[in-house]
Amino acid sequence: RTRFGDDLVLQHYSKPRGVRQLVMLGAGMDARAYRLQLPELKIFEVDLPILFQDKEPLLKLQQTDFDPRQPTIWLLEGLMMYLTDREAAQTLRRIGALSAQSSVVFFDAISASYVRQRIVVGGAPFLGGSDHYGHWLHELASFSSTQVWDFASLRVDRWNQRLSKDWARTLSPAELYGRNVVLFVESHKV
């Protein structure tokens, strides 16, 4: 997912009138800001304890030089499965409210049935998953173009040093229903 996130940032940064804001929710010890070295990119890191400490934690971005009128890349790597459905919906709603047209969001997640497996990583249980991320992003955040991939269908393209989604196809909620699937979700506010 790190490579996928890096490639997404580089792709949208490199476009004419490219995105110049990156928000990483649940950033932890991520070193992307140092690794990518994109001089015009403003990076905002919001870690998990801060994320749900207050009622409106993403509004803290408004106390910085974050500009909600500018397109933003949102990366939620390793976060969504640790949020309840209610917390995930609140987070997507806030992202939508803070996102201008041409913004993009990426996160990894799990299907709804996967939650019943009671997975715990490092003492933290997976709390939420959905088969309807495309619907959630459209309804809650006004992101209109969403792709949901089965992580297992993505391939490492060693020649081009990237994670390739060329052979992957978007999965529908019906295809996810009842299956334990790790997902990559990318959505654009068109």
Protein backbone atom coordinates (compact mmCIF):
# COMPACT_ATOMS: atom_id res chain seq x y z
CA ARG A 1 0.00 0.00 0.00
CA THR A 2 2.93 2.36 0.58
CA ARG A 3 4.05 1.98 -3.03
CA PHE A 4 0.48 2.42 -4.26
CA GLY A 5 0.11 5.59 -2.15
CA ASP A 6 3.45 6.97 -3.37
CA ASP A 7 2.49 6.34 -6.99
CA LEU A 8 -0.90 8.01 -6.46
CA VAL A 9 0.75 11.10 -4.95
CA LEU A 10 3.31 11.31 -7.77
CA GLN A 11 0.64 10.82 -10.44
CA HIS A 12 -1.57 13.63 -9.14
CA TYR A 13 1.35 15.93 -8.28
CA SER A 14 2.81 15.59 -11.80
CA LYS A 15 -0.36 16.57 -13.66
CA PRO A 16 -0.70 20.06 -15.12
CA ARG A 17 -2.15 22.07 -12.24
CA GLY A 18 -1.29 19.12 -10.04
CA VAL A 19 -2.46 18.55 -6.50
CA ARG A 20 -0.31 20.38 -3.95
CA GLN A 21 -1.87 19.22 -0.67
CA LEU A 22 -1.56 15.80 0.93
CA VAL A 23 -3.38 14.77 4.10
CA MET A 24 -2.34 11.51 5.72
CA LEU A 25 -4.79 10.28 8.35
CA GLY A 26 -3.35 7.75 10.77
CA ALA A 27 0.13 8.77 9.59
CA GLY A 28 2.02 7.14 12.46
CA MET A 29 5.72 7.00 11.64
CA ASP A 30 5.25 7.42 7.88
CA ALA A 31 8.32 8.93 6.20
CA ARG A 32 6.62 9.83 2.90
CA ALA A 33 7.26 13.56 3.39
CA TYR A 34 11.01 12.93 3.49
CA ARG A 35 11.05 10.13 0.94
CA LEU A 36 9.18 11.80 -1.94
CA GLN A 37 10.81 15.24 -1.70
CA LEU A 38 8.18 17.17 -3.65
CA PRO A 39 9.01 20.82 -2.98
CA GLU A 40 5.57 22.31 -3.68
CA LEU A 41 3.59 19.65 -1.78
CA LYS A 42 2.15 20.69 1.59
CA ILE A 43 1.84 17.63 3.80
CA PHE A 44 -0.52 17.41 6.74
CA GLU A 45 -0.19 14.41 9.06
CA VAL A 46 -3.04 13.57 11.42
CA ASP A 47 -2.37 10.59 13.63
CA LEU A 48 -4.99 8.31 15.15
CA PRO A 49 -5.02 9.62 18.77
CA ILE A 50 -5.65 13.13 17.48
CA LEU A 51 -8.17 11.93 14.92
CA PHE A 52 -10.92 11.03 17.37
CA GLN A 53 -9.88 13.04 20.41
CA ASP A 54 -12.27 15.89 19.65
CA LYS A 55 -15.74 15.96 18.15
CA GLU A 56 -14.53 17.57 14.91
CA PRO A 57 -10.84 16.57 14.67
CA LEU A 58 -10.38 17.17 10.96
CA LEU A 59 -11.37 20.78 11.53
CA LYS A 60 -7.90 21.14 13.07
CA LEU A 61 -6.68 21.33 9.50
CA GLN A 62 -8.45 24.68 9.23
CA GLN A 63 -6.13 26.00 11.93
CA THR A 64 -3.17 25.39 9.61
CA ASP A 65 -2.46 26.61 6.09
CA PHE A 66 -4.58 23.78 4.67
CA ASP A 67 -6.83 25.21 1.92
CA PRO A 68 -10.11 23.29 1.38
CA ARG A 69 -10.56 25.17 -1.92
CA GLN A 70 -7.53 23.39 -3.37
CA PRO A 71 -7.54 19.76 -4.57
CA THR A 72 -6.14 17.39 -1.95
CA ILE A 73 -4.82 13.84 -1.89
CA TRP A 74 -6.13 11.96 1.16
CA LEU A 75 -4.28 8.81 2.25
CA LEU A 76 -5.82 6.63 4.96
CA GLU A 77 -3.37 3.75 4.94
CA GLY A 78 -3.99 1.10 7.57
CA LEU A 79 -6.80 3.07 9.19
CA MET A 80 -10.29 2.19 7.97
CA MET A 81 -10.43 -1.33 9.41
CA TYR A 82 -9.76 0.10 12.87
CA LEU A 83 -12.79 2.42 12.68
CA THR A 84 -16.36 1.47 13.44
CA ASP A 85 -18.84 2.03 10.62
CA ARG A 86 -20.02 5.20 12.39
CA GLU A 87 -16.45 6.55 12.71
CA ALA A 88 -15.68 5.66 9.09
CA ALA A 89 -18.83 7.45 7.91
CA GLN A 90 -17.96 10.55 9.98
CA THR A 91 -14.42 10.53 8.59
CA LEU A 92 -15.59 10.26 4.97
CA ARG A 93 -18.19 12.99 5.54
CA ARG A 94 -15.49 15.34 6.89
CA ILE A 95 -13.11 14.49 4.06
CA GLY A 96 -15.88 15.32 1.58
CA ALA A 97 -16.56 18.65 3.26
CA LEU A 98 -12.85 19.55 3.12
CA SER A 99 -12.26 18.38 -0.46
CA ALA A 100 -12.34 20.54 -3.56
CA GLN A 101 -13.07 19.22 -7.02
CA SER A 102 -10.18 17.07 -8.37
CA SER A 103 -9.37 15.73 -4.89
CA VAL A 104 -8.59 12.03 -4.53
CA VAL A 105 -8.77 9.61 -1.61
CA PHE A 106 -7.08 6.24 -1.20
CA PHE A 107 -7.41 3.69 1.58
CA ASP A 108 -7.04 0.02 2.23
CA ALA A 109 -9.94 -1.68 3.97
CA ILE A 110 -11.72 -4.98 4.42
CA SER A 111 -15.04 -6.33 3.27
CA ALA A 112 -17.95 -6.46 5.72
CA SER A 113 -17.76 -10.22 6.28
CA TYR A 114 -14.05 -10.01 7.12
CA VAL A 115 -14.90 -8.13 10.34
CA ARG A 116 -16.53 -11.31 11.69
CA GLN A 117 -13.12 -13.03 11.60
CA ARG A 118 -12.21 -10.97 14.70
CA ILE A 119 -8.74 -10.08 13.46
CA VAL A 120 -6.45 -8.39 15.97
CA VAL A 121 -3.14 -6.84 14.92
CA GLY A 122 -0.74 -5.64 17.60
CA GLY A 123 -3.53 -5.79 20.15
CA ALA A 124 -5.89 -3.62 18.08
CA PRO A 125 -9.01 -5.32 16.69
CA PHE A 126 -10.42 -4.69 13.25
CA LEU A 127 -13.72 -2.91 13.94
CA GLY A 128 -15.19 -2.08 10.57
CA GLY A 129 -15.46 -3.10 6.97
CA SER A 130 -17.91 -2.58 4.15
CA ASP A 131 -19.02 -3.92 0.80
CA HIS A 132 -20.31 -0.44 -0.10
CA TYR A 133 -17.34 1.95 -0.05
CA GLY A 134 -18.25 3.35 -3.48
CA HIS A 135 -21.75 4.20 -2.25
CA TRP A 136 -20.39 5.66 1.00
CA LEU A 137 -17.90 7.88 -0.83
CA HIS A 138 -20.59 9.10 -3.23
CA GLU A 139 -23.31 9.70 -0.63
CA LEU A 140 -21.24 10.91 2.31
CA ALA A 141 -18.34 12.71 0.62
CA SER A 142 -19.52 13.59 -2.92
CA PHE A 143 -16.72 11.59 -4.55
CA SER A 144 -18.25 10.38 -7.80
CA SER A 145 -15.69 8.04 -9.35
CA THR A 146 -14.67 5.11 -7.13
CA GLN A 147 -12.78 1.91 -7.81
CA VAL A 148 -12.67 -0.94 -5.30
CA TRP A 149 -10.06 -3.62 -5.98
CA ASP A 150 -9.35 -6.95 -4.36
CA PHE A 151 -5.81 -6.50 -3.09
CA ALA A 152 -4.98 -10.04 -4.24
CA SER A 153 -5.70 -9.02 -7.86
CA LEU A 154 -3.02 -6.30 -7.87
CA ARG A 155 0.39 -7.26 -9.22
CA VAL A 156 3.92 -6.10 -8.52
CA ASP A 157 5.37 -4.66 -11.73
CA ARG A 158 9.07 -5.01 -10.98
CA TRP A 159 10.10 -3.66 -14.38
CA ASN A 160 8.39 -0.30 -13.76
CA GLN A 161 8.76 -0.51 -9.96
CA ARG A 162 5.11 -0.02 -9.15
CA LEU A 163 2.02 -1.83 -7.99
CA SER A 164 -0.05 -2.48 -11.10
CA LYS A 165 -3.81 -2.41 -11.22
CA ASP A 166 -3.83 -2.99 -15.00
CA TRP A 167 -5.35 -6.47 -14.69
CA ALA A 168 -7.48 -5.76 -11.63
CA ARG A 169 -11.14 -4.99 -11.99
CA THR A 170 -13.46 -3.03 -9.79
CA LEU A 171 -15.60 -5.19 -7.51
CA SER A 172 -19.27 -4.53 -6.93
CA PRO A 173 -20.98 -4.86 -3.52
CA ALA A 174 -22.64 -8.08 -4.78
CA GLU A 175 -19.21 -9.56 -5.59
CA LEU A 176 -17.93 -8.67 -2.12
CA TYR A 177 -20.93 -9.91 -0.17
CA GLY A 178 -20.01 -12.83 2.08
CA ARG A 179 -16.36 -12.86 1.00
CA ASN A 180 -13.32 -12.07 3.15
CA VAL A 181 -11.46 -9.58 0.99
CA VAL A 182 -8.71 -7.01 1.62
CA LEU A 183 -9.54 -3.97 -0.49
CA PHE A 184 -7.79 -1.04 -2.10
CA VAL A 185 -10.19 1.85 -2.62
CA GLU A 186 -9.45 4.91 -4.78
CA SER A 187 -11.98 7.65 -5.36
CA HIS A 188 -12.00 10.97 -7.20
CA LYS A 189 -14.10 14.07 -6.66
CA VAL A 190 -14.96 14.98 -10.24
